[in-house]
Every structure is written in C-alpha cells, then in structure tokens.
C-alpha cells in the first residue's frame, strides 16, 4: 500500500498566535520560520494541518 507524503513549511510566524496553534505547529516538528518537515499523511496530520493552514505551505511529495 502506497502512503503519500507531504512537505510542510512554516511561512508565517507563530509569535502572538493562540497557544493551541503554537502547540500544533510544534507537534508537527517545526521550530522556526522556513523550517521544512516531511510527514506521511494520516487523519491526525490532516487535522493538524487544517487547524494551522494559514501559517503553512503544504505540498505533496512523490
């Protein structure tokens, strides 16, 4: 079974954001601006991305 991956980049600062949004970004493994991480797509990951989508750039990886 093929699991698709996504590349996630933080493009807006988390300074001054809601505490739960900051915690969500950190739980994705992102620590600072322009950090890029790759994750396998899961329902939990989709929910996290949806919550803080206004801070992120998300693209699928082959």
PDB file of N, CA and C in Angstrom:
ATOM      1  N   UNK A   1       0.852  -1.193   0.000  1.00  0.00           N
ATOM      2  CA  UNK A   1       0.000   0.000   0.000  1.00  0.00           C
ATOM      3  C   UNK A   1       0.885   1.239   0.000  1.00  0.00           C
ATOM      4  N   UNK A   2       0.603   2.152  -0.921  1.00  0.00           N
ATOM      5  CA  UNK A   2       1.413   3.359  -1.043  1.00  0.00           C
ATOM      6  C   UNK A   2       0.902   4.457  -0.118  1.00  0.00           C
ATOM      7  N   UNK A   3       1.793   4.978   0.704  1.00  0.00           N
ATOM      8  CA  UNK A   3       1.428   6.072   1.605  1.00  0.00           C
ATOM      9  C   UNK A   3       2.008   7.362   1.050  1.00  0.00           C
ATOM     10  N   UNK A   4       1.150   8.342   0.813  1.00  0.00           N
ATOM     11  CA  UNK A   4       1.661   9.598   0.270  1.00  0.00           C
ATOM     12  C   UNK A   4       2.277  10.438   1.383  1.00  0.00           C
ATOM     13  N   UNK A   5       3.216  11.264   0.983  1.00  0.00           N
ATOM     14  CA  UNK A   5       3.922  12.121   1.934  1.00  0.00           C
ATOM     15  C   UNK A   5       3.654  13.573   1.579  1.00  0.00           C
ATOM     16  N   UNK A   6       3.800  14.444   2.572  1.00  0.00           N
ATOM     17  CA  UNK A   6       3.660  15.875   2.353  1.00  0.00           C
ATOM     18  C   UNK A   6       4.877  16.591   2.923  1.00  0.00           C
ATOM     19  N   UNK A   7       5.235  17.681   2.280  1.00  0.00           N
ATOM     20  CA  UNK A   7       6.298  18.566   2.767  1.00  0.00           C
ATOM     21  C   UNK A   7       5.592  19.796   3.325  1.00  0.00           C
ATOM     22  N   UNK A   8       5.892  20.119   4.580  1.00  0.00           N
ATOM     23  CA  UNK A   8       5.229  21.223   5.275  1.00  0.00           C
ATOM     24  C   UNK A   8       6.278  22.267   5.632  1.00  0.00           C
ATOM     25  N   UNK A   9       5.988  23.537   5.291  1.00  0.00           N
ATOM     26  CA  UNK A   9       6.907  24.638   5.597  1.00  0.00           C
ATOM     27  C   UNK A   9       6.145  25.716   6.354  1.00  0.00           C
ATOM     28  N   UNK A  10       6.755  26.243   7.414  1.00  0.00           N
ATOM     29  CA  UNK A  10       6.166  27.343   8.173  1.00  0.00           C
ATOM     30  C   UNK A  10       6.517  28.651   7.474  1.00  0.00           C
ATOM     31  N   UNK A  11       5.509  29.350   6.936  1.00  0.00           N
ATOM     32  CA  UNK A  11       5.758  30.569   6.172  1.00  0.00           C
ATOM     33  C   UNK A  11       5.323  31.830   6.907  1.00  0.00           C
ATOM     34  N   UNK A  12       4.578  31.673   8.004  1.00  0.00           N
ATOM     35  CA  UNK A  12       4.207  32.822   8.839  1.00  0.00           C
ATOM     36  C   UNK A  12       4.611  32.533  10.273  1.00  0.00           C
ATOM     37  N   UNK A  13       4.944  33.587  11.006  1.00  0.00           N
ATOM     38  CA  UNK A  13       5.438  33.441  12.372  1.00  0.00           C
ATOM     39  C   UNK A  13       4.347  32.960  13.324  1.00  0.00           C
ATOM     40  N   UNK A  14       4.764  32.204  14.353  1.00  0.00           N
ATOM     41  CA  UNK A  14       3.827  31.765  15.387  1.00  0.00           C
ATOM     42  C   UNK A  14       3.767  32.753  16.555  1.00  0.00           C
ATOM     43  N   UNK A  15       4.541  33.831  16.479  1.00  0.00           N
ATOM     44  CA  UNK A  15       4.543  34.821  17.554  1.00  0.00           C
ATOM     45  C   UNK A  15       3.168  35.485  17.629  1.00  0.00           C
ATOM     46  N   UNK A  16       2.601  35.504  18.837  1.00  0.00           N
ATOM     47  CA  UNK A  16       1.314  36.148  19.059  1.00  0.00           C
ATOM     48  C   UNK A  16       0.114  35.314  18.659  1.00  0.00           C
ATOM     49  N   UNK A  17       0.320  34.068  18.260  1.00  0.00           N
ATOM     50  CA  UNK A  17      -0.794  33.193  17.871  1.00  0.00           C
ATOM     51  C   UNK A  17      -1.394  32.540  19.114  1.00  0.00           C
ATOM     52  N   UNK A  18      -2.545  31.902  18.937  1.00  0.00           N
ATOM     53  CA  UNK A  18      -3.190  31.210  20.043  1.00  0.00           C
ATOM     54  C   UNK A  18      -2.276  30.088  20.548  1.00  0.00           C
ATOM     55  N   UNK A  19      -2.259  29.861  21.855  1.00  0.00           N
ATOM     56  CA  UNK A  19      -1.383  28.821  22.409  1.00  0.00           C
ATOM     57  C   UNK A  19      -1.589  27.440  21.792  1.00  0.00           C
ATOM     58  N   UNK A  20      -2.842  27.077  21.489  1.00  0.00           N
ATOM     59  CA  UNK A  20      -3.055  25.751  20.904  1.00  0.00           C
ATOM     60  C   UNK A  20      -2.549  25.687  19.465  1.00  0.00           C
ATOM     61  N   UNK A  21      -2.528  26.805  18.749  1.00  0.00           N
ATOM     62  CA  UNK A  21      -1.972  26.821  17.397  1.00  0.00           C
ATOM     63  C   UNK A  21      -0.446  26.690  17.449  1.00  0.00           C
ATOM     64  N   UNK A  22       0.174  27.361  18.405  1.00  0.00           N
ATOM     65  CA  UNK A  22       1.628  27.237  18.583  1.00  0.00           C
ATOM     66  C   UNK A  22       1.987  25.787  18.905  1.00  0.00           C
ATOM     67  N   UNK A  23       1.220  25.166  19.796  1.00  0.00           N
ATOM     68  CA  UNK A  23       1.480  23.778  20.182  1.00  0.00           C
ATOM     69  C   UNK A  23       1.297  22.837  18.994  1.00  0.00           C
ATOM     70  N   UNK A  24       0.325  23.117  18.136  1.00  0.00           N
ATOM     71  CA  UNK A  24       0.086  22.287  16.959  1.00  0.00           C
ATOM     72  C   UNK A  24       1.262  22.367  15.995  1.00  0.00           C
ATOM     73  N   UNK A  25       1.774  23.583  15.762  1.00  0.00           N
ATOM     74  CA  UNK A  25       2.927  23.752  14.869  1.00  0.00           C
ATOM     75  C   UNK A  25       4.126  22.997  15.433  1.00  0.00           C
ATOM     76  N   UNK A  26       4.357  23.112  16.735  1.00  0.00           N
ATOM     77  CA  UNK A  26       5.483  22.413  17.351  1.00  0.00           C
ATOM     78  C   UNK A  26       5.309  20.900  17.278  1.00  0.00           C
ATOM     79  N   UNK A  27       4.073  20.431  17.380  1.00  0.00           N
ATOM     80  CA  UNK A  27       3.826  18.980  17.313  1.00  0.00           C
ATOM     81  C   UNK A  27       4.095  18.427  15.914  1.00  0.00           C
ATOM     82  N   UNK A  28       4.081  19.307  14.914  1.00  0.00           N
ATOM     83  CA  UNK A  28       4.438  18.896  13.554  1.00  0.00           C
ATOM     84  C   UNK A  28       5.951  18.770  13.385  1.00  0.00           C
ATOM     85  N   UNK A  29       6.710  19.230  14.389  1.00  0.00           N
ATOM     86  CA  UNK A  29       8.170  19.142  14.321  1.00  0.00           C
ATOM     87  C   UNK A  29       8.803  20.395  13.756  1.00  0.00           C
ATOM     88  N   UNK A  30       8.028  21.478  13.708  1.00  0.00           N
ATOM     89  CA  UNK A  30       8.524  22.745  13.161  1.00  0.00           C
ATOM     90  C   UNK A  30       8.863  23.670  14.322  1.00  0.00           C
ATOM     91  N   UNK A  31      10.093  24.219  14.302  1.00  0.00           N
ATOM     92  CA  UNK A  31      10.529  25.045  15.417  1.00  0.00           C
ATOM     93  C   UNK A  31      10.588  26.530  15.088  1.00  0.00           C
ATOM     94  N   UNK A  32      10.870  26.856  13.819  1.00  0.00           N
ATOM     95  CA  UNK A  32      11.026  28.268  13.480  1.00  0.00           C
ATOM     96  C   UNK A  32      10.618  28.513  12.028  1.00  0.00           C
ATOM     97  N   UNK A  33      10.587  29.780  11.646  1.00  0.00           N
ATOM     98  CA  UNK A  33      10.198  30.172  10.288  1.00  0.00           C
ATOM     99  C   UNK A  33      11.041  29.450   9.245  1.00  0.00           C
ATOM    100  N   UNK A  34      10.418  29.079   8.150  1.00  0.00           N
ATOM    101  CA  UNK A  34      11.051  28.440   6.999  1.00  0.00           C
ATOM    102  C   UNK A  34      11.578  27.035   7.286  1.00  0.00           C
ATOM    103  N   UNK A  35      11.251  26.467   8.452  1.00  0.00           N
ATOM    104  CA  UNK A  35      11.560  25.062   8.701  1.00  0.00           C
ATOM    105  C   UNK A  35      10.705  24.203   7.783  1.00  0.00           C
ATOM    106  N   UNK A  36      11.284  23.143   7.254  1.00  0.00           N
ATOM    107  CA  UNK A  36      10.566  22.222   6.381  1.00  0.00           C
ATOM    108  C   UNK A  36      10.651  20.821   6.975  1.00  0.00           C
ATOM    109  N   UNK A  37       9.487  20.144   7.057  1.00  0.00           N
ATOM    110  CA  UNK A  37       9.442  18.768   7.521  1.00  0.00           C
ATOM    111  C   UNK A  37       8.619  17.938   6.537  1.00  0.00           C
ATOM    112  N   UNK A  38       8.873  16.635   6.527  1.00  0.00           N
ATOM    113  CA  UNK A  38       8.090  15.725   5.697  1.00  0.00           C
ATOM    114  C   UNK A  38       7.406  14.713   6.597  1.00  0.00           C
ATOM    115  N   UNK A  39       6.124  14.473   6.317  1.00  0.00           N
ATOM    116  CA  UNK A  39       5.339  13.520   7.094  1.00  0.00           C
ATOM    117  C   UNK A  39       4.510  12.657   6.160  1.00  0.00           C
ATOM    118  N   UNK A  40       4.186  11.452   6.621  1.00  0.00           N
ATOM    119  CA  UNK A  40       3.228  10.593   5.926  1.00  0.00           C
ATOM    120  C   UNK A  40       1.823  11.054   6.314  1.00  0.00           C
ATOM    121  N   UNK A  41       0.929  11.103   5.349  1.00  0.00           N
ATOM    122  CA  UNK A  41      -0.421  11.603   5.610  1.00  0.00           C
ATOM    123  C   UNK A  41      -1.216  10.608   6.456  1.00  0.00           C
ATOM    124  N   UNK A  42      -1.782  11.124   7.543  1.00  0.00           N
ATOM    125  CA  UNK A  42      -2.691  10.368   8.407  1.00  0.00           C
ATOM    126  C   UNK A  42      -3.875  11.283   8.720  1.00  0.00           C
ATOM    127  N   UNK A  43      -4.976  10.735   9.217  1.00  0.00           N
ATOM    128  CA  UNK A  43      -6.103  11.600   9.597  1.00  0.00           C
ATOM    129  C   UNK A  43      -5.711  12.645  10.649  1.00  0.00           C
ATOM    130  N   UNK A  44      -4.845  12.248  11.599  1.00  0.00           N
ATOM    131  CA  UNK A  44      -4.403  13.187  12.636  1.00  0.00           C
ATOM    132  C   UNK A  44      -3.611  14.337  12.027  1.00  0.00           C
ATOM    133  N   UNK A  45      -2.751  14.006  11.068  1.00  0.00           N
ATOM    134  CA  UNK A  45      -1.940  15.021  10.412  1.00  0.00           C
ATOM    135  C   UNK A  45      -2.814  15.985   9.622  1.00  0.00           C
ATOM    136  N   UNK A  46      -3.820  15.459   8.929  1.00  0.00           N
ATOM    137  CA  UNK A  46      -4.733  16.316   8.162  1.00  0.00           C
ATOM    138  C   UNK A  46      -5.433  17.316   9.069  1.00  0.00           C
ATOM    139  N   UNK A  47      -5.824  16.864  10.270  1.00  0.00           N
ATOM    140  CA  UNK A  47      -6.486  17.752  11.227  1.00  0.00           C
ATOM    141  C   UNK A  47      -5.566  18.852  11.717  1.00  0.00           C
ATOM    142  N   UNK A  48      -4.312  18.503  12.001  1.00  0.00           N
ATOM    143  CA  UNK A  48      -3.334  19.494  12.450  1.00  0.00           C
ATOM    144  C   UNK A  48      -3.087  20.532  11.367  1.00  0.00           C
ATOM    145  N   UNK A  49      -2.931  20.059  10.120  1.00  0.00           N
ATOM    146  CA  UNK A  49      -2.689  20.978   9.003  1.00  0.00           C
ATOM    147  C   UNK A  49      -3.889  21.898   8.806  1.00  0.00           C
ATOM    148  N   UNK A  50      -5.094  21.356   8.925  1.00  0.00           N
ATOM    149  CA  UNK A  50      -6.302  22.165   8.745  1.00  0.00           C
ATOM    150  C   UNK A  50      -6.393  23.267   9.796  1.00  0.00           C
ATOM    151  N   UNK A  51      -5.988  22.966  11.035  1.00  0.00           N
ATOM    152  CA  UNK A  51      -6.084  23.940  12.127  1.00  0.00           C
ATOM    153  C   UNK A  51      -5.172  25.139  11.897  1.00  0.00           C
ATOM    154  N   UNK A  52      -3.957  24.897  11.421  1.00  0.00           N
ATOM    155  CA  UNK A  52      -2.984  25.993  11.276  1.00  0.00           C
ATOM    156  C   UNK A  52      -2.597  26.216   9.812  1.00  0.00           C
ATOM    157  N   UNK A  53      -3.518  25.927   8.895  1.00  0.00           N
ATOM    158  CA  UNK A  53      -3.216  26.024   7.460  1.00  0.00           C
ATOM    159  C   UNK A  53      -2.814  27.446   7.049  1.00  0.00           C
ATOM    160  N   UNK A  54      -3.301  28.458   7.775  1.00  0.00           N
ATOM    161  CA  UNK A  54      -2.972  29.844   7.444  1.00  0.00           C
ATOM    162  C   UNK A  54      -1.508  30.197   7.737  1.00  0.00           C
ATOM    163  N   UNK A  55      -0.797  29.321   8.433  1.00  0.00           N
ATOM    164  CA  UNK A  55       0.616  29.546   8.756  1.00  0.00           C
ATOM    165  C   UNK A  55       1.555  28.719   7.873  1.00  0.00           C
ATOM    166  N   UNK A  56       1.000  27.772   7.129  1.00  0.00           N
ATOM    167  CA  UNK A  56       1.820  26.758   6.460  1.00  0.00           C
ATOM    168  C   UNK A  56       1.746  26.816   4.946  1.00  0.00           C
ATOM    169  N   UNK A  57       2.784  26.255   4.315  1.00  0.00           N
ATOM    170  CA  UNK A  57       2.746  25.919   2.900  1.00  0.00           C
ATOM    171  C   UNK A  57       2.898  24.411   2.834  1.00  0.00           C
ATOM    172  N   UNK A  58       1.934  23.735   2.200  1.00  0.00           N
ATOM    173  CA  UNK A  58       1.906  22.273   2.158  1.00  0.00           C
ATOM    174  C   UNK A  58       1.939  21.824   0.712  1.00  0.00           C
ATOM    175  N   UNK A  59       2.853  20.893   0.401  1.00  0.00           N
ATOM    176  CA  UNK A  59       2.887  20.327  -0.935  1.00  0.00           C
ATOM    177  C   UNK A  59       3.138  18.832  -0.862  1.00  0.00           C
ATOM    178  N   UNK A  60       2.546  18.095  -1.814  1.00  0.00           N
ATOM    179  CA  UNK A  60       2.725  16.648  -1.846  1.00  0.00           C
ATOM    180  C   UNK A  60       4.102  16.308  -2.410  1.00  0.00           C
ATOM    181  N   UNK A  61       4.673  15.220  -1.890  1.00  0.00           N
ATOM    182  CA  UNK A  61       5.990  14.752  -2.319  1.00  0.00           C
ATOM    183  C   UNK A  61       5.795  13.402  -2.989  1.00  0.00           C
ATOM    184  N   UNK A  62       6.512  13.189  -4.080  1.00  0.00           N
ATOM    185  CA  UNK A  62       6.421  11.900  -4.793  1.00  0.00           C
ATOM    186  C   UNK A  62       7.332  10.874  -4.171  1.00  0.00           C
TER     187      UNK A  62
END
